[in-house]
Amino acid sequence: MVHDENALLGWSDFEAGAILFSYKGDRANNEFHENNSIMHSVADWRVVKPIFNPAGCIHCQFCWVACPDSAIIAKDKKFDHIDYDHCKGCGICADQCPTNPKSLVMFPDLTKENEALKMWPAKEAKKEQ
């Protein structure tokens, strides 16, 4: 397939299994490729969002690895924040969290962080086998 390197591509223009790189050129200069959603907010249709409670976080980075939208931001190998401009509310990060109670819990999109922390789930009892 031959195309103009500067043209924006639609999803049907990519081959199955294609790798889409976020950056063009030197990563250190943050030159994002125009086809990447980093240039646009994609969260307008989100109905639920993850909220982070640092109290039980063990900084395992399972949420960071699993997030399909790179919306979990880690600094120095520790959870830092959620990029809500790019979080679509899929809940994968919360599903991957191994702590009890989870450090990431899904709440309705309009829930404020301080309200969510007051409603945080309690530690679940261990299930007998």
N, C-alpha and C. Protein backbone atom coordinates (compact mmCIF):
# COMPACT_ATOMS: atom_id res chain seq x y z
N MET A 1 0.85 -1.18 0.00
CA MET A 1 0.00 0.00 0.00
C MET A 1 0.89 1.24 0.00
N VAL A 2 0.69 2.11 -0.94
CA VAL A 2 1.47 3.34 -1.04
C VAL A 2 0.57 4.50 -0.64
N HIS A 3 1.06 5.34 0.23
CA HIS A 3 0.27 6.50 0.65
C HIS A 3 1.19 7.67 0.97
N ASP A 4 0.61 8.83 0.99
CA ASP A 4 1.33 10.04 1.36
C ASP A 4 1.63 9.97 2.85
N GLU A 5 2.89 10.05 3.23
CA GLU A 5 3.29 9.92 4.63
C GLU A 5 2.67 10.98 5.51
N ASN A 6 2.33 12.13 4.96
CA ASN A 6 1.75 13.22 5.75
C ASN A 6 0.22 13.18 5.81
N ALA A 7 -0.41 12.26 5.08
CA ALA A 7 -1.87 12.20 5.06
C ALA A 7 -2.39 11.46 6.29
N LEU A 8 -3.51 11.92 6.82
CA LEU A 8 -4.15 11.22 7.92
C LEU A 8 -4.84 9.98 7.37
N LEU A 9 -4.72 8.88 8.09
CA LEU A 9 -5.30 7.62 7.65
C LEU A 9 -6.55 7.30 8.44
N GLY A 10 -7.49 6.64 7.79
CA GLY A 10 -8.67 6.12 8.48
C GLY A 10 -8.38 4.71 8.93
N TRP A 11 -9.22 4.16 9.79
CA TRP A 11 -8.97 2.81 10.32
C TRP A 11 -8.91 1.77 9.22
N SER A 12 -9.70 1.92 8.18
CA SER A 12 -9.71 0.93 7.11
C SER A 12 -8.43 0.99 6.26
N ASP A 13 -7.63 2.03 6.42
CA ASP A 13 -6.39 2.15 5.66
C ASP A 13 -5.22 1.40 6.30
N PHE A 14 -5.37 0.95 7.52
CA PHE A 14 -4.30 0.22 8.19
C PHE A 14 -4.45 -1.28 7.92
N GLU A 15 -3.32 -1.96 7.79
CA GLU A 15 -3.36 -3.40 7.61
C GLU A 15 -3.59 -4.07 8.96
N ALA A 16 -4.22 -5.24 8.95
CA ALA A 16 -4.45 -5.99 10.18
C ALA A 16 -3.11 -6.27 10.85
N GLY A 17 -3.04 -6.03 12.14
CA GLY A 17 -1.82 -6.28 12.90
C GLY A 17 -0.81 -5.14 12.83
N ALA A 18 -1.19 -4.02 12.22
CA ALA A 18 -0.27 -2.89 12.11
C ALA A 18 0.04 -2.32 13.48
N ILE A 19 1.24 -1.83 13.63
CA ILE A 19 1.64 -1.17 14.87
C ILE A 19 1.58 0.33 14.62
N LEU A 20 0.87 1.03 15.48
CA LEU A 20 0.75 2.49 15.34
C LEU A 20 1.67 3.14 16.37
N PHE A 21 2.64 3.85 15.90
CA PHE A 21 3.58 4.49 16.79
C PHE A 21 3.07 5.86 17.21
N SER A 22 3.19 6.17 18.48
CA SER A 22 2.72 7.44 19.01
C SER A 22 3.57 8.60 18.54
N TYR A 23 4.84 8.35 18.38
CA TYR A 23 5.78 9.43 18.08
C TYR A 23 6.30 9.31 16.67
N LYS A 24 6.62 10.43 16.09
CA LYS A 24 7.36 10.42 14.84
C LYS A 24 8.68 11.10 15.14
N GLY A 25 9.72 10.64 14.53
CA GLY A 25 11.03 11.24 14.80
C GLY A 25 11.53 10.89 16.19
N ASP A 26 12.12 11.85 16.85
CA ASP A 26 12.75 11.65 18.14
C ASP A 26 11.72 11.72 19.27
N ARG A 27 11.63 10.65 20.05
CA ARG A 27 10.67 10.59 21.15
C ARG A 27 10.92 11.67 22.19
N ALA A 28 12.17 12.01 22.39
CA ALA A 28 12.52 13.00 23.41
C ALA A 28 11.92 14.37 23.11
N ASN A 29 11.65 14.66 21.84
CA ASN A 29 11.09 15.95 21.47
C ASN A 29 9.57 15.96 21.46
N ASN A 30 8.96 14.84 21.83
CA ASN A 30 7.50 14.73 21.88
C ASN A 30 6.82 15.14 20.58
N GLU A 31 7.36 14.68 19.47
CA GLU A 31 6.72 14.92 18.18
C GLU A 31 5.71 13.81 17.95
N PHE A 32 4.45 14.06 18.30
CA PHE A 32 3.43 13.05 18.17
C PHE A 32 2.98 12.92 16.72
N HIS A 33 2.71 11.70 16.32
CA HIS A 33 2.19 11.45 14.98
C HIS A 33 0.75 11.93 14.91
N GLU A 34 0.36 12.50 13.80
CA GLU A 34 -0.98 13.09 13.65
C GLU A 34 -2.09 12.05 13.77
N ASN A 35 -1.78 10.78 13.50
CA ASN A 35 -2.80 9.73 13.58
C ASN A 35 -3.05 9.28 15.02
N ASN A 36 -2.32 9.81 15.97
CA ASN A 36 -2.44 9.38 17.35
C ASN A 36 -3.46 10.22 18.10
N SER A 37 -4.23 9.58 18.95
CA SER A 37 -5.26 10.29 19.71
C SER A 37 -4.69 11.19 20.80
N ILE A 38 -3.37 11.15 21.01
CA ILE A 38 -2.78 12.01 22.03
C ILE A 38 -3.03 13.48 21.69
N MET A 39 -3.30 13.75 20.41
CA MET A 39 -3.54 15.11 19.98
C MET A 39 -4.99 15.55 20.19
N HIS A 40 -5.86 14.62 20.58
CA HIS A 40 -7.28 14.92 20.70
C HIS A 40 -7.86 14.24 21.94
N SER A 41 -8.81 14.88 22.59
CA SER A 41 -9.52 14.24 23.69
C SER A 41 -10.48 13.22 23.10
N VAL A 42 -10.49 12.04 23.68
CA VAL A 42 -11.37 10.97 23.19
C VAL A 42 -12.31 10.50 24.30
N ALA A 43 -12.46 11.32 25.32
CA ALA A 43 -13.22 10.89 26.50
C ALA A 43 -14.62 11.47 26.57
N ASP A 44 -15.09 12.12 25.53
CA ASP A 44 -16.39 12.78 25.59
C ASP A 44 -17.56 11.83 25.82
N TRP A 45 -17.43 10.58 25.43
CA TRP A 45 -18.55 9.64 25.55
C TRP A 45 -18.44 8.74 26.77
N ARG A 46 -17.44 8.95 27.60
CA ARG A 46 -17.23 8.10 28.79
C ARG A 46 -18.39 8.27 29.77
N VAL A 47 -18.88 7.17 30.34
CA VAL A 47 -19.96 7.24 31.34
C VAL A 47 -19.47 6.83 32.73
N VAL A 48 -18.39 6.07 32.80
CA VAL A 48 -17.75 5.73 34.07
C VAL A 48 -16.26 6.01 33.94
N LYS A 49 -15.62 6.24 35.08
CA LYS A 49 -14.19 6.51 35.06
C LYS A 49 -13.53 5.87 36.27
N PRO A 50 -12.25 5.56 36.18
CA PRO A 50 -11.54 5.04 37.34
C PRO A 50 -11.14 6.19 38.26
N ILE A 51 -11.27 5.95 39.53
CA ILE A 51 -10.77 6.91 40.52
C ILE A 51 -9.75 6.17 41.37
N PHE A 52 -8.66 6.86 41.68
CA PHE A 52 -7.53 6.27 42.38
C PHE A 52 -7.57 6.60 43.86
N ASN A 53 -7.34 5.57 44.68
CA ASN A 53 -7.19 5.75 46.12
C ASN A 53 -5.78 5.30 46.48
N PRO A 54 -4.91 6.23 46.86
CA PRO A 54 -3.52 5.87 47.13
C PRO A 54 -3.32 5.04 48.39
N ALA A 55 -4.33 4.94 49.23
CA ALA A 55 -4.17 4.27 50.53
C ALA A 55 -3.65 2.84 50.43
N GLY A 56 -4.11 2.08 49.45
CA GLY A 56 -3.69 0.69 49.37
C GLY A 56 -2.81 0.36 48.18
N CYS A 57 -2.43 1.36 47.40
CA CYS A 57 -1.67 1.12 46.17
C CYS A 57 -0.28 0.57 46.49
N ILE A 58 0.08 -0.49 45.80
CA ILE A 58 1.40 -1.10 45.99
C ILE A 58 2.33 -0.78 44.81
N HIS A 59 1.88 0.08 43.90
CA HIS A 59 2.66 0.52 42.75
C HIS A 59 3.19 -0.65 41.92
N CYS A 60 2.32 -1.63 41.72
CA CYS A 60 2.68 -2.80 40.91
C CYS A 60 2.72 -2.47 39.43
N GLN A 61 2.06 -1.41 39.03
CA GLN A 61 1.97 -0.93 37.66
C GLN A 61 1.16 -1.86 36.74
N PHE A 62 0.36 -2.76 37.31
CA PHE A 62 -0.51 -3.60 36.48
C PHE A 62 -1.48 -2.73 35.70
N CYS A 63 -2.00 -1.68 36.33
CA CYS A 63 -2.94 -0.78 35.66
C CYS A 63 -2.27 -0.06 34.50
N TRP A 64 -1.05 0.38 34.71
CA TRP A 64 -0.30 1.10 33.68
C TRP A 64 -0.05 0.22 32.47
N VAL A 65 0.35 -1.03 32.71
CA VAL A 65 0.63 -1.97 31.62
C VAL A 65 -0.65 -2.31 30.86
N ALA A 66 -1.75 -2.49 31.57
CA ALA A 66 -2.99 -2.97 30.96
C ALA A 66 -3.79 -1.90 30.24
N CYS A 67 -3.60 -0.64 30.57
CA CYS A 67 -4.42 0.43 29.97
C CYS A 67 -4.20 0.50 28.46
N PRO A 68 -5.27 0.27 27.68
CA PRO A 68 -5.10 0.30 26.22
C PRO A 68 -4.94 1.70 25.65
N ASP A 69 -5.18 2.72 26.45
CA ASP A 69 -5.13 4.10 25.95
C ASP A 69 -3.99 4.91 26.55
N SER A 70 -3.10 4.27 27.29
CA SER A 70 -1.98 4.95 27.96
C SER A 70 -2.48 6.13 28.80
N ALA A 71 -3.61 5.93 29.46
CA ALA A 71 -4.20 7.00 30.27
C ALA A 71 -3.73 6.93 31.73
N ILE A 72 -3.07 5.85 32.12
CA ILE A 72 -2.49 5.76 33.46
C ILE A 72 -1.07 6.32 33.36
N ILE A 73 -0.80 7.35 34.12
CA ILE A 73 0.50 8.01 34.06
C ILE A 73 1.31 7.61 35.30
N ALA A 74 2.49 7.06 35.05
CA ALA A 74 3.39 6.67 36.13
C ALA A 74 4.65 7.50 36.03
N LYS A 75 5.19 7.85 37.19
CA LYS A 75 6.47 8.56 37.25
C LYS A 75 7.32 7.87 38.29
N ASP A 76 8.57 7.64 37.94
CA ASP A 76 9.51 6.95 38.84
C ASP A 76 8.94 5.61 39.30
N LYS A 77 8.29 4.89 38.37
CA LYS A 77 7.73 3.56 38.62
C LYS A 77 6.65 3.56 39.69
N LYS A 78 5.94 4.68 39.84
CA LYS A 78 4.83 4.79 40.78
C LYS A 78 3.66 5.45 40.09
N PHE A 79 2.46 5.05 40.47
CA PHE A 79 1.25 5.66 39.94
C PHE A 79 1.31 7.15 40.21
N ASP A 80 1.01 7.96 39.20
CA ASP A 80 1.02 9.41 39.38
C ASP A 80 -0.38 9.99 39.24
N HIS A 81 -1.04 9.72 38.10
CA HIS A 81 -2.40 10.23 37.91
C HIS A 81 -3.04 9.55 36.70
N ILE A 82 -4.30 9.89 36.47
CA ILE A 82 -5.04 9.37 35.32
C ILE A 82 -5.24 10.52 34.34
N ASP A 83 -4.91 10.28 33.09
CA ASP A 83 -5.12 11.26 32.03
C ASP A 83 -6.57 11.11 31.55
N TYR A 84 -7.48 11.87 32.14
CA TYR A 84 -8.90 11.74 31.81
C TYR A 84 -9.24 12.23 30.40
N ASP A 85 -8.35 12.97 29.75
CA ASP A 85 -8.60 13.35 28.36
C ASP A 85 -8.53 12.14 27.43
N HIS A 86 -7.80 11.11 27.85
CA HIS A 86 -7.62 9.94 27.00
C HIS A 86 -8.19 8.66 27.59
N CYS A 87 -8.72 8.72 28.80
CA CYS A 87 -9.36 7.56 29.42
C CYS A 87 -10.76 7.41 28.83
N LYS A 88 -11.05 6.21 28.34
CA LYS A 88 -12.37 5.95 27.75
C LYS A 88 -13.31 5.28 28.74
N GLY A 89 -12.84 4.95 29.93
CA GLY A 89 -13.70 4.35 30.95
C GLY A 89 -13.93 2.87 30.76
N CYS A 90 -12.98 2.17 30.17
CA CYS A 90 -13.16 0.74 29.89
C CYS A 90 -13.11 -0.12 31.16
N GLY A 91 -12.40 0.33 32.19
CA GLY A 91 -12.33 -0.40 33.45
C GLY A 91 -11.26 -1.47 33.53
N ILE A 92 -10.46 -1.62 32.49
CA ILE A 92 -9.41 -2.64 32.51
C ILE A 92 -8.43 -2.38 33.64
N CYS A 93 -8.09 -1.13 33.89
CA CYS A 93 -7.14 -0.80 34.95
C CYS A 93 -7.67 -1.27 36.31
N ALA A 94 -8.95 -1.02 36.57
CA ALA A 94 -9.55 -1.44 37.85
C ALA A 94 -9.61 -2.96 37.95
N ASP A 95 -9.89 -3.63 36.85
CA ASP A 95 -9.92 -5.10 36.85
C ASP A 95 -8.55 -5.69 37.17
N GLN A 96 -7.50 -5.03 36.72
CA GLN A 96 -6.14 -5.54 36.91
C GLN A 96 -5.57 -5.25 38.29
N CYS A 97 -6.15 -4.32 39.01
CA CYS A 97 -5.62 -3.94 40.32
C CYS A 97 -5.72 -5.11 41.30
N PRO A 98 -4.58 -5.53 41.90
CA PRO A 98 -4.60 -6.70 42.78
C PRO A 98 -4.86 -6.40 44.26
N THR A 99 -4.95 -5.14 44.64
CA THR A 99 -5.07 -4.84 46.07
C THR A 99 -6.48 -5.08 46.58
N ASN A 100 -6.60 -5.21 47.88
CA ASN A 100 -7.88 -5.45 48.54
C ASN A 100 -8.02 -4.47 49.70
N PRO A 101 -8.89 -3.46 49.56
CA PRO A 101 -9.73 -3.14 48.41
C PRO A 101 -8.89 -2.59 47.27
N LYS A 102 -9.47 -2.58 46.09
CA LYS A 102 -8.75 -2.11 44.90
C LYS A 102 -8.36 -0.63 45.06
N SER A 103 -7.25 -0.28 44.48
CA SER A 103 -6.79 1.11 44.49
C SER A 103 -7.42 1.93 43.37
N LEU A 104 -7.98 1.25 42.38
CA LEU A 104 -8.72 1.88 41.30
C LEU A 104 -10.12 1.27 41.26
N VAL A 105 -11.12 2.12 41.36
CA VAL A 105 -12.51 1.68 41.33
C VAL A 105 -13.25 2.56 40.34
N MET A 106 -14.17 1.95 39.59
CA MET A 106 -14.95 2.67 38.59
C MET A 106 -16.14 3.36 39.26
N PHE A 107 -16.33 4.63 38.92
CA PHE A 107 -17.44 5.45 39.42
C PHE A 107 -18.09 6.16 38.24
N PRO A 108 -19.33 6.61 38.39
CA PRO A 108 -19.95 7.42 37.33
C PRO A 108 -19.05 8.61 37.00
N ASP A 109 -19.02 8.99 35.73
CA ASP A 109 -18.09 9.99 35.24
C ASP A 109 -18.16 11.32 35.97
N LEU A 110 -19.33 11.71 36.44
CA LEU A 110 -19.46 13.02 37.09
C LEU A 110 -19.11 12.99 38.58
N THR A 111 -18.73 11.82 39.12
CA THR A 111 -18.38 11.72 40.53
C THR A 111 -17.07 12.44 40.80
N LYS A 112 -17.06 13.27 41.83
CA LYS A 112 -15.84 13.98 42.22
C LYS A 112 -14.98 13.03 43.07
N GLU A 113 -13.67 13.22 42.99
CA GLU A 113 -12.74 12.33 43.68
C GLU A 113 -13.01 12.26 45.19
N ASN A 114 -13.23 13.40 45.84
CA ASN A 114 -13.45 13.40 47.30
C ASN A 114 -14.74 12.65 47.66
N GLU A 115 -15.77 12.72 46.80
CA GLU A 115 -17.00 11.97 47.04
C GLU A 115 -16.75 10.47 46.90
N ALA A 116 -15.99 10.09 45.88
CA ALA A 116 -15.69 8.67 45.64
C ALA A 116 -14.89 8.08 46.80
N LEU A 117 -13.93 8.82 47.32
CA LEU A 117 -13.11 8.30 48.42
C LEU A 117 -13.96 8.03 49.67
N LYS A 118 -15.02 8.82 49.88
CA LYS A 118 -15.92 8.58 51.02
C LYS A 118 -16.75 7.31 50.83
N MET A 119 -16.97 6.90 49.57
CA MET A 119 -17.78 5.72 49.26
C MET A 119 -16.93 4.50 48.92
N TRP A 120 -15.64 4.56 49.22
CA TRP A 120 -14.73 3.49 48.79
C TRP A 120 -15.12 2.15 49.39
N PRO A 121 -15.07 1.08 48.61
CA PRO A 121 -15.44 -0.25 49.13
C PRO A 121 -14.53 -0.68 50.29
N ALA A 122 -15.10 -1.45 51.18
CA ALA A 122 -14.33 -1.98 52.31
C ALA A 122 -13.54 -3.21 51.85
N LYS A 123 -12.58 -3.59 52.64
CA LYS A 123 -11.79 -4.78 52.35
C LYS A 123 -12.69 -5.99 52.32
N GLU A 124 -12.53 -6.82 51.30
CA GLU A 124 -13.36 -8.03 51.17
C GLU A 124 -12.74 -9.14 52.00
N ALA A 125 -13.61 -9.93 52.63
CA ALA A 125 -13.14 -11.08 53.40
C ALA A 125 -12.62 -12.15 52.45
N LYS A 126 -11.62 -12.91 52.89
CA LYS A 126 -11.10 -13.99 52.06
C LYS A 126 -12.14 -15.08 51.91
N LYS A 127 -12.23 -15.61 50.72
CA LYS A 127 -13.19 -16.69 50.45
C LYS A 127 -12.56 -18.01 50.81
N GLU A 128 -13.30 -18.84 51.51
CA GLU A 128 -12.80 -20.17 51.85
C GLU A 128 -12.95 -21.08 50.65
N GLN A 129 -11.99 -21.96 50.49
CA GLN A 129 -12.04 -22.85 49.33
C GLN A 129 -12.56 -24.20 49.67
